Amino acid sequence: MRELECDVAVIGAGPAGLAAAAAAKKNGAEKVVIIERDSSPGGILQQCIHPGFGLNYFHEELTGPEYAGRFIAEAEKAGVKVLFNTMALDLREEELMCSGPGGLLRVRSGAVVLAMGCRERTRANLVIPGSRPAGIYTAGTAQRLINIQGHMVGKKVVILGSGDIGMIMARRMTLEGAEVKAVVEIMPYLAGLRRNKVQCLDDFNIPLLLSHTVTDITGVDRVEKVTIAPVDGNKDPICEESREIQCDTLLLSVGLIPENELSRGRGVPLSSVTKGASVNQYMQTEIPNVFACGNVLHVNDLVDNVSRESERAGRNAARYAAGVLPVGRPVSAVPGENVRYVCPQRVIPGGDEEIRLFFRVAAPGEEVTVSARSGDRVLVSRKAPFVNPGEMESLTISAEDAVGLTADITVEVKGGAR
C-alpha cells in the first residue's frame, strides 16, 4: 500500500476544496494535497456555463468555469498537489484511506478539510406516485447532459421546485428551444434567489406556480403528462383542483443533501437541520483535526460565500496542523425568532478572527430587524428590507465583541412577517 504524508489534506477539488487548499498553503502549510474523484478540478462549476458568479468575491460577473479557473490557477500557483481519479474511502483518526490509479493509498495529515459538496434529491426521496417512464431528471443531471455532453433532454418540460438550479435550467431549456410549461413549487414562497426568478422566469414568461406540487406522472416509455395540484396549509394536495400538463420531461429541483458519509464514518457530529457538520468560527468540527466548508457543511446559494468560508477553513486547518489554532470553551450560536439554523453553531470567545454567522430565515419577511445577542447584550444589529428562506443571510461579530461571552448567541429576525 502506498503512503503519503502532508500537513493538510482536502477532500474535493470543487470551489470549496480549491479555496481551502490555496488558503492552507498561503498560511504556512508546507504540503497540501487535494483528493479528487473526478479527472479534473472545478466540481459543479464545470457545468455551470451561465454568468452570475463572482459578483461579491471578484466584483465582476463570471461564468462557472471562469470562476473555477481563477481558483484552479491560485491553487496551482500556491503549489497545491491534486490527486485526480482518487476516491476517499474512509476517514480515520490519523489517516485517510483512498483508492486511486495506483491502488490503495494511505494519506497521513495534520488536519483534514471536508469539501465534498452535496448531491441532489431524487424522485426516490420524494416518492412521487405514477409510472416509471424515461424523461425524469434531476435539474443538475439535465444541466450536465446539455452543457457538457451536448444532449438535449426534452422539448416540453415541467420543473418541480423553484431552487436556483431549477430556475436556471428553465432558462437554459428555453434558450435551447424547449417549451417550459411551468415551474411548480410546493412552498408559498420562492426557494431560490429573487434575481434568478427575474432573469430566468419572468424574462422568459415562464409561469411559477407557488403552493402547488406534482401528484402523478403518466407515461409508458416516455413521460406523457404530469398531474399538478394546489396544496393546503399542511402541504397536502387538494386533489379536486388538480389538472394535467402535457409534457415529455420532468426536472426535479427539490433540494440538496450534503455528502457526509465520510463524516459519519469518522463520528463527526452533524446538525439535524443542515445535515452538515457542527463547527465553530474556525470551521473546525467537534473532531479537532477535521474541518468542513462549502456545501458539505450547509447548502449555500452563492459560490462567493463558499469561497470565503472555505478560505477560513483552509487557513485554520493549517494553523491547527502547526499547533497555533486558539482553543477555548465555546458558547452555542442558536436560532431565535424566524431563524431556521445558524452556522457556525459554536463560537470560541476571545478568538483572534471575526465571527461571521450564516443563517436562513424560516419564513419571508419585509422591513425586518436582524440581530445577534448574548443574554441581554446586542452584539450586532441591522435592518433588512426583505428576507426569504431561499437566500442566505449573515451577521458579522468582531473578535473584540465576542470577548468574555458566557451566554449563547441567539440570532433572530423580528418584524415584517408576510
Protein backbone atom coordinates (compact mmCIF):
# COMPACT_ATOMS: atom_id res chain seq x y z
CA MET A 1 0.00 0.00 0.00
CA ARG A 2 1.29 3.44 -0.93
CA GLU A 3 1.58 6.14 1.73
CA LEU A 4 1.59 9.92 1.56
CA GLU A 5 2.22 12.45 4.31
CA CYS A 6 1.11 16.08 4.25
CA ASP A 7 0.21 18.96 6.54
CA VAL A 8 -3.35 19.41 5.27
CA ALA A 9 -5.46 17.00 3.21
CA VAL A 10 -8.52 18.42 1.43
CA ILE A 11 -11.27 16.12 0.16
CA GLY A 12 -12.77 17.55 -3.03
CA ALA A 13 -11.46 19.86 -5.78
CA GLY A 14 -14.63 21.86 -6.25
CA PRO A 15 -14.84 25.57 -5.39
CA ALA A 16 -14.70 24.84 -1.65
CA GLY A 17 -11.73 22.48 -1.83
CA LEU A 18 -9.71 24.70 -4.16
CA ALA A 19 -10.19 27.78 -1.96
CA ALA A 20 -9.41 25.84 1.23
CA ALA A 21 -6.27 24.25 -0.20
CA ALA A 22 -4.87 27.51 -1.55
CA ALA A 23 -5.56 29.26 1.77
CA ALA A 24 -3.89 26.46 3.74
CA LYS A 25 -0.79 26.72 1.57
CA LYS A 26 -0.67 30.51 1.92
CA ASN A 27 -0.94 30.24 5.70
CA GLY A 28 2.05 28.08 6.37
CA ALA A 29 1.09 24.53 5.44
CA GLU A 30 4.16 23.26 3.58
CA LYS A 31 2.45 20.32 1.85
CA VAL A 32 -1.24 20.46 0.91
CA VAL A 33 -2.95 17.65 -1.02
CA ILE A 34 -6.42 17.57 -2.58
CA ILE A 35 -8.14 14.20 -3.04
CA GLU A 36 -10.48 14.42 -6.08
CA ARG A 37 -12.51 11.55 -7.52
CA ASP A 38 -13.05 13.32 -10.88
CA SER A 39 -10.43 13.66 -13.61
CA SER A 40 -10.37 17.47 -13.48
CA PRO A 41 -10.87 20.26 -10.90
CA GLY A 42 -13.77 22.68 -10.59
CA GLY A 43 -16.58 20.48 -9.33
CA ILE A 44 -20.12 21.51 -10.21
CA LEU A 45 -18.88 24.81 -11.67
CA GLN A 46 -17.64 22.95 -14.75
CA GLN A 47 -21.23 22.57 -15.96
CA CYS A 48 -22.49 26.00 -14.83
CA ILE A 49 -21.80 27.87 -18.07
CA HIS A 50 -24.20 30.72 -17.24
CA PRO A 51 -22.93 34.07 -15.88
CA GLY A 52 -23.64 35.43 -12.41
CA PHE A 53 -20.67 34.13 -10.40
CA GLY A 54 -18.07 36.28 -8.68
CA LEU A 55 -20.08 39.46 -8.20
CA ASN A 56 -19.29 39.56 -4.48
CA TYR A 57 -15.84 38.00 -4.45
CA PHE A 58 -14.26 39.40 -7.62
CA HIS A 59 -16.69 42.30 -8.17
CA GLU A 60 -17.26 41.19 -11.74
CA GLU A 61 -19.59 38.77 -13.46
CA LEU A 62 -18.10 35.40 -14.45
CA THR A 63 -19.37 32.06 -15.72
CA GLY A 64 -18.93 28.99 -13.53
CA PRO A 65 -15.88 27.68 -15.44
CA GLU A 66 -14.31 31.16 -15.36
CA TYR A 67 -14.84 31.41 -11.60
CA ALA A 68 -13.40 27.93 -11.05
CA GLY A 69 -10.48 28.78 -13.32
CA ARG A 70 -9.41 31.62 -11.05
CA PHE A 71 -9.15 29.30 -8.04
CA ILE A 72 -7.58 26.50 -10.06
CA ALA A 73 -4.84 28.92 -11.08
CA GLU A 74 -4.47 30.12 -7.49
CA ALA A 75 -4.11 26.57 -6.16
CA GLU A 76 -1.57 25.72 -8.87
CA LYS A 77 0.42 28.88 -8.16
CA ALA A 78 0.45 28.07 -4.44
CA GLY A 79 1.86 24.61 -5.14
CA VAL A 80 -1.13 22.51 -4.10
CA LYS A 81 -0.91 18.87 -5.19
CA VAL A 82 -4.11 17.34 -6.62
CA LEU A 83 -4.65 13.57 -6.82
CA PHE A 84 -7.23 13.04 -9.58
CA ASN A 85 -9.35 9.90 -10.10
CA THR A 86 -8.83 9.19 -6.40
CA MET A 87 -11.70 8.31 -4.08
CA ALA A 88 -11.62 8.95 -0.35
CA LEU A 89 -12.94 5.73 1.21
CA ASP A 90 -12.53 6.06 4.95
CA LEU A 91 -11.56 8.87 7.30
CA ARG A 92 -9.80 7.50 10.35
CA GLU A 93 -8.24 9.08 13.43
CA GLU A 94 -4.83 9.77 11.93
CA GLU A 95 -5.21 8.79 8.28
CA LEU A 96 -7.39 8.94 5.21
CA MET A 97 -7.78 5.76 3.17
CA CYS A 98 -8.15 6.34 -0.57
CA SER A 99 -8.36 4.35 -3.78
CA GLY A 100 -6.73 5.68 -6.92
CA PRO A 101 -5.00 4.72 -10.16
CA GLY A 102 -2.18 3.01 -8.26
CA GLY A 103 -4.43 1.12 -5.86
CA LEU A 104 -4.95 1.85 -2.17
CA LEU A 105 -3.36 4.97 -0.72
CA ARG A 106 -2.94 5.92 2.93
CA VAL A 107 -2.78 9.69 3.47
CA ARG A 108 -1.49 10.92 6.83
CA SER A 109 -2.03 14.59 7.61
CA GLY A 110 -2.03 17.08 10.44
CA ALA A 111 -5.55 18.25 9.52
CA VAL A 112 -8.31 17.28 7.11
CA VAL A 113 -10.73 19.63 5.34
CA LEU A 114 -14.06 18.16 4.26
CA ALA A 115 -15.14 19.79 0.98
CA MET A 116 -17.15 17.02 -0.70
CA GLY A 117 -20.09 19.19 -1.71
CA CYS A 118 -23.63 17.87 -1.96
CA ARG A 119 -25.94 15.76 -4.10
CA GLU A 120 -29.45 16.34 -5.42
CA ARG A 121 -32.62 14.88 -4.01
CA THR A 122 -34.19 12.46 -6.46
CA ARG A 123 -37.66 11.16 -7.21
CA ALA A 124 -36.97 8.34 -4.77
CA ASN A 125 -36.53 10.89 -1.97
CA LEU A 126 -39.91 12.44 -2.82
CA VAL A 127 -41.90 9.26 -3.52
CA ILE A 128 -43.99 10.82 -6.32
CA PRO A 129 -46.77 8.43 -7.44
CA GLY A 130 -47.11 7.30 -11.04
CA SER A 131 -45.36 5.21 -13.65
CA ARG A 132 -41.62 4.97 -14.23
CA PRO A 133 -41.03 6.32 -17.74
CA ALA A 134 -37.94 7.94 -19.24
CA GLY A 135 -37.74 11.73 -19.15
CA ILE A 136 -37.37 12.31 -15.39
CA TYR A 137 -34.12 14.03 -14.42
CA THR A 138 -32.71 15.99 -11.55
CA ALA A 139 -32.02 19.55 -12.68
CA GLY A 140 -28.27 19.11 -12.18
CA THR A 141 -28.18 15.94 -14.27
CA ALA A 142 -30.04 17.70 -17.08
CA GLN A 143 -27.59 20.61 -16.80
CA ARG A 144 -24.61 18.29 -17.19
CA LEU A 145 -26.17 16.44 -20.14
CA ILE A 146 -26.88 19.67 -22.01
CA ASN A 147 -23.85 21.80 -21.11
CA ILE A 148 -21.08 19.19 -21.09
CA GLN A 149 -22.32 16.26 -23.16
CA GLY A 150 -24.41 18.23 -25.65
CA HIS A 151 -27.53 16.11 -25.21
CA MET A 152 -30.93 17.83 -25.16
CA VAL A 153 -33.14 16.11 -22.59
CA GLY A 154 -36.62 17.13 -23.75
CA LYS A 155 -38.90 19.50 -25.65
CA LYS A 156 -41.91 20.10 -23.37
CA VAL A 157 -40.80 20.49 -19.78
CA VAL A 158 -42.26 20.84 -16.29
CA ILE A 159 -39.89 21.70 -13.43
CA LEU A 160 -40.73 20.71 -9.86
CA GLY A 161 -39.08 23.02 -7.35
CA SER A 162 -38.05 26.67 -7.58
CA GLY A 163 -34.47 26.15 -6.43
CA ASP A 164 -31.75 28.07 -8.25
CA ILE A 165 -30.67 25.16 -10.46
CA GLY A 166 -34.28 24.56 -11.48
CA MET A 167 -34.87 28.20 -12.45
CA ILE A 168 -31.55 28.39 -14.29
CA MET A 169 -32.44 25.23 -16.21
CA ALA A 170 -35.83 26.71 -17.09
CA ARG A 171 -33.98 29.48 -18.91
CA ARG A 172 -31.40 27.10 -20.39
CA MET A 173 -34.06 24.76 -21.79
CA THR A 174 -35.94 27.72 -23.25
CA LEU A 175 -32.80 29.03 -24.95
CA GLU A 176 -32.28 25.57 -26.46
CA GLY A 177 -35.77 25.65 -27.99
CA ALA A 178 -37.77 23.69 -25.43
CA GLU A 179 -41.09 24.87 -24.02
CA VAL A 180 -41.08 25.11 -20.24
CA LYS A 181 -44.73 24.73 -19.27
CA ALA A 182 -44.34 25.69 -15.60
CA VAL A 183 -42.12 25.76 -12.54
CA VAL A 184 -44.07 24.16 -9.69
CA GLU A 185 -43.18 24.97 -6.05
CA ILE A 186 -44.83 23.32 -3.03
CA MET A 187 -43.94 26.19 -0.69
CA PRO A 188 -45.84 29.52 -0.73
CA TYR A 189 -42.57 31.34 -1.43
CA LEU A 190 -39.59 31.09 -3.77
CA ALA A 191 -36.92 28.50 -2.90
CA GLY A 192 -34.10 30.27 -4.74
CA LEU A 193 -32.67 33.73 -5.35
CA ARG A 194 -35.02 36.52 -6.43
CA ARG A 195 -32.60 37.55 -9.16
CA ASN A 196 -32.92 34.11 -10.73
CA LYS A 197 -36.71 34.40 -10.77
CA VAL A 198 -36.43 37.71 -12.62
CA GLN A 199 -33.71 36.67 -15.06
CA CYS A 200 -34.77 33.06 -15.66
CA LEU A 201 -38.56 33.00 -15.29
CA ASP A 202 -40.01 36.50 -15.61
CA ASP A 203 -37.82 37.49 -18.57
CA PHE A 204 -38.98 34.38 -20.46
CA ASN A 205 -42.64 34.43 -19.35
CA ILE A 206 -42.34 31.05 -17.61
CA PRO A 207 -45.15 30.52 -15.08
CA LEU A 208 -44.26 29.98 -11.42
CA LEU A 209 -46.95 28.12 -9.50
CA LEU A 210 -46.43 28.52 -5.76
CA SER A 211 -48.21 26.23 -3.27
CA HIS A 212 -48.50 23.52 -5.94
CA THR A 213 -46.94 20.09 -6.38
CA VAL A 214 -46.82 17.16 -8.79
CA THR A 215 -49.19 14.42 -7.70
CA ASP A 216 -48.85 11.94 -10.58
CA ILE A 217 -46.60 11.06 -13.51
CA THR A 218 -48.11 9.36 -16.56
CA GLY A 219 -46.25 7.61 -19.37
CA VAL A 220 -45.11 4.22 -20.62
CA ASP A 221 -41.81 4.56 -22.47
CA ARG A 222 -41.58 8.33 -22.01
CA VAL A 223 -43.28 10.91 -19.79
CA GLU A 224 -46.56 11.91 -21.43
CA LYS A 225 -48.05 14.18 -18.78
CA VAL A 226 -47.91 15.14 -15.12
CA THR A 227 -50.74 15.97 -12.76
CA ILE A 228 -50.32 19.00 -10.54
CA ALA A 229 -52.49 20.21 -7.68
CA PRO A 230 -52.52 23.11 -5.23
CA VAL A 231 -51.65 22.26 -1.63
CA ASP A 232 -53.25 23.34 1.63
CA GLY A 233 -51.56 24.76 4.72
CA ASN A 234 -50.26 21.28 5.63
CA LYS A 235 -48.82 20.83 2.11
CA ASP A 236 -51.41 18.16 1.35
CA PRO A 237 -52.65 18.19 -2.28
CA ILE A 238 -56.14 19.47 -2.94
CA CYS A 239 -56.89 16.72 -5.46
CA GLU A 240 -60.26 18.03 -6.59
CA GLU A 241 -58.47 21.08 -8.00
CA SER A 242 -55.78 19.11 -9.83
CA ARG A 243 -55.04 19.48 -13.55
CA GLU A 244 -52.85 17.78 -16.13
CA ILE A 245 -49.95 19.27 -18.08
CA GLN A 246 -48.82 17.52 -21.26
CA CYS A 247 -45.03 17.20 -21.30
CA ASP A 248 -42.22 14.81 -22.18
CA THR A 249 -39.78 15.81 -19.41
CA LEU A 250 -39.92 16.43 -15.68
CA LEU A 251 -36.94 18.12 -13.99
CA LEU A 252 -36.59 17.89 -10.22
CA SER A 253 -35.07 20.84 -8.35
CA VAL A 254 -36.13 19.81 -4.88
CA GLY A 255 -33.16 20.35 -2.63
CA LEU A 256 -29.59 19.25 -1.98
CA ILE A 257 -28.12 16.84 0.55
CA PRO A 258 -24.56 17.36 1.91
CA GLU A 259 -22.26 14.39 1.13
CA ASN A 260 -21.40 13.38 4.67
CA GLU A 261 -20.86 9.63 4.53
CA LEU A 262 -17.16 10.09 5.34
CA SER A 263 -18.08 12.47 8.17
CA ARG A 264 -20.46 9.94 9.71
CA GLY A 265 -17.87 7.20 9.44
CA ARG A 266 -15.41 9.34 11.37
CA GLY A 267 -18.04 10.15 14.01
CA VAL A 268 -18.26 13.86 13.21
CA PRO A 269 -21.44 15.22 14.90
CA LEU A 270 -23.89 16.58 12.29
CA SER A 271 -26.59 19.24 12.53
CA SER A 272 -30.12 17.84 12.32
CA VAL A 273 -31.16 20.87 10.24
CA THR A 274 -28.29 21.47 7.79
CA LYS A 275 -27.25 17.77 7.66
CA GLY A 276 -23.67 19.06 7.74
CA ALA A 277 -21.09 19.12 10.50
CA SER A 278 -21.38 21.27 13.59
CA VAL A 279 -18.47 23.73 13.51
CA ASN A 280 -17.01 26.72 15.35
CA GLN A 281 -15.95 30.03 13.79
CA TYR A 282 -12.72 28.42 12.58
CA MET A 283 -14.76 25.88 10.55
CA GLN A 284 -13.46 23.24 12.97
CA THR A 285 -15.76 20.31 13.70
CA GLU A 286 -16.07 18.64 17.08
CA ILE A 287 -13.27 16.30 15.94
CA PRO A 288 -10.35 18.76 16.42
CA ASN A 289 -8.28 17.83 13.35
CA VAL A 290 -11.29 17.81 10.98
CA PHE A 291 -12.59 20.99 9.34
CA ALA A 292 -15.55 21.45 6.98
CA CYS A 293 -16.63 24.05 4.44
CA GLY A 294 -18.89 24.69 1.47
CA ASN A 295 -21.99 22.70 0.62
CA VAL A 296 -20.89 19.68 2.65
CA LEU A 297 -21.32 21.96 5.68
CA HIS A 298 -24.52 23.77 4.68
CA VAL A 299 -26.06 24.43 1.28
CA ASN A 300 -25.11 27.90 0.03
CA ASP A 301 -26.82 29.99 -2.64
CA LEU A 302 -23.68 31.92 -3.68
CA VAL A 303 -20.33 30.36 -4.52
CA ASP A 304 -18.71 33.64 -3.39
CA ASN A 305 -19.75 32.78 0.19
CA VAL A 306 -18.43 29.25 -0.26
CA SER A 307 -15.02 30.60 -1.27
CA ARG A 308 -14.66 32.90 1.72
CA GLU A 309 -15.89 30.26 4.16
CA SER A 310 -13.52 27.69 2.64
CA GLU A 311 -10.55 30.04 2.84
CA ARG A 312 -11.27 30.30 6.55
CA ALA A 313 -11.39 26.51 6.85
CA GLY A 314 -8.11 26.06 4.99
CA ARG A 315 -6.34 28.82 6.89
CA ASN A 316 -7.34 27.40 10.25
CA ALA A 317 -6.60 23.82 9.25
CA ALA A 318 -3.05 24.99 8.53
CA ARG A 319 -2.92 26.74 11.90
CA TYR A 320 -4.16 23.59 13.64
CA ALA A 321 -1.55 21.44 11.89
CA ALA A 322 1.10 23.91 13.08
CA GLY A 323 -0.28 23.83 16.64
CA VAL A 324 -1.23 27.52 16.78
CA LEU A 325 -5.04 27.48 16.46
CA PRO A 326 -6.72 29.11 19.52
CA VAL A 327 -8.68 26.86 21.84
CA GLY A 328 -11.27 27.59 24.50
CA ARG A 329 -14.66 26.75 25.87
CA PRO A 330 -17.28 27.55 23.21
CA VAL A 331 -20.72 29.08 23.53
CA SER A 332 -23.52 27.98 21.20
CA ALA A 333 -24.89 30.04 18.31
CA VAL A 334 -28.58 29.19 18.16
CA PRO A 335 -31.58 30.17 16.01
CA GLY A 336 -34.10 32.54 17.55
CA GLU A 337 -37.29 34.10 16.19
CA ASN A 338 -37.86 33.34 12.48
CA VAL A 339 -34.43 31.72 12.03
CA ARG A 340 -34.15 28.13 10.82
CA TYR A 341 -30.48 27.48 11.56
CA VAL A 342 -27.19 29.23 12.29
CA CYS A 343 -23.73 28.23 11.04
CA PRO A 344 -21.23 28.07 12.70
CA GLN A 345 -23.06 26.51 15.60
CA ARG A 346 -20.34 27.25 18.16
CA VAL A 347 -18.20 30.28 18.95
CA ILE A 348 -14.99 30.36 21.00
CA PRO A 349 -14.96 33.73 22.83
CA GLY A 350 -11.68 35.58 22.78
CA GLY A 351 -10.58 34.21 19.42
CA ASP A 352 -8.47 36.20 17.00
CA GLU A 353 -10.83 36.26 14.00
CA GLU A 354 -14.11 37.99 13.30
CA ILE A 355 -17.14 35.73 13.52
CA ARG A 356 -19.43 35.56 10.51
CA LEU A 357 -22.71 33.83 11.28
CA PHE A 358 -24.65 32.49 8.28
CA PHE A 359 -28.33 31.69 8.65
CA ARG A 360 -31.61 31.19 6.81
CA VAL A 361 -34.95 32.54 7.90
CA ALA A 362 -37.92 30.26 8.45
CA ALA A 363 -40.44 32.47 6.62
CA PRO A 364 -40.32 35.53 4.33
CA GLY A 365 -40.48 39.00 5.85
CA GLU A 366 -40.22 42.66 4.87
CA GLU A 367 -38.70 45.59 6.76
CA VAL A 368 -37.19 43.37 9.44
CA THR A 369 -34.52 43.77 12.10
CA VAL A 370 -31.77 41.14 12.04
CA SER A 371 -29.69 40.81 15.20
CA ALA A 372 -27.43 38.63 17.30
CA ARG A 373 -27.46 38.89 21.06
CA SER A 374 -25.86 37.15 24.02
CA GLY A 375 -28.12 37.34 27.03
CA ASP A 376 -29.29 40.98 27.23
CA ARG A 377 -26.37 42.25 25.17
CA VAL A 378 -26.93 43.01 21.48
CA LEU A 379 -23.72 42.14 19.63
CA VAL A 380 -24.77 43.31 16.17
CA SER A 381 -28.00 44.50 14.55
CA ARG A 382 -29.10 45.72 11.12
CA LYS A 383 -32.24 46.46 9.14
CA ALA A 384 -33.17 44.38 6.09
CA PRO A 385 -35.83 45.38 3.53
CA PHE A 386 -36.60 41.76 2.67
CA VAL A 387 -35.68 38.25 3.83
CA ASN A 388 -36.59 34.92 2.25
CA PRO A 389 -35.73 31.28 3.12
CA GLY A 390 -34.18 30.83 -0.32
CA GLU A 391 -31.49 33.46 0.32
CA MET A 392 -28.68 33.14 2.84
CA GLU A 393 -28.27 35.94 5.38
CA SER A 394 -25.27 36.74 7.55
CA LEU A 395 -24.11 38.82 10.50
CA THR A 396 -20.51 39.63 11.42
CA ILE A 397 -19.33 39.93 15.02
CA SER A 398 -15.88 41.33 15.68
CA ALA A 399 -13.46 39.26 17.73
CA GLU A 400 -13.39 42.05 20.34
CA ASP A 401 -17.17 41.96 20.80
CA ALA A 402 -17.03 38.24 21.48
CA VAL A 403 -14.52 38.52 24.31
CA GLY A 404 -15.91 37.31 27.63
CA LEU A 405 -19.15 35.85 26.30
CA THR A 406 -20.66 33.17 28.52
CA ALA A 407 -24.26 33.01 27.29
CA ASP A 408 -25.43 31.53 23.99
CA ILE A 409 -25.50 33.79 20.94
CA THR A 410 -29.05 33.98 19.60
CA VAL A 411 -29.73 35.12 16.05
CA GLU A 412 -33.22 36.47 15.43
CA VAL A 413 -35.27 38.23 12.77
CA LYS A 414 -38.10 40.37 14.07
CA GLY A 415 -40.99 42.20 12.47
CA GLY A 416 -42.42 42.40 8.98
CA ALA A 417 -43.88 38.91 8.52
CA ARG A 418 -45.52 38.43 5.12
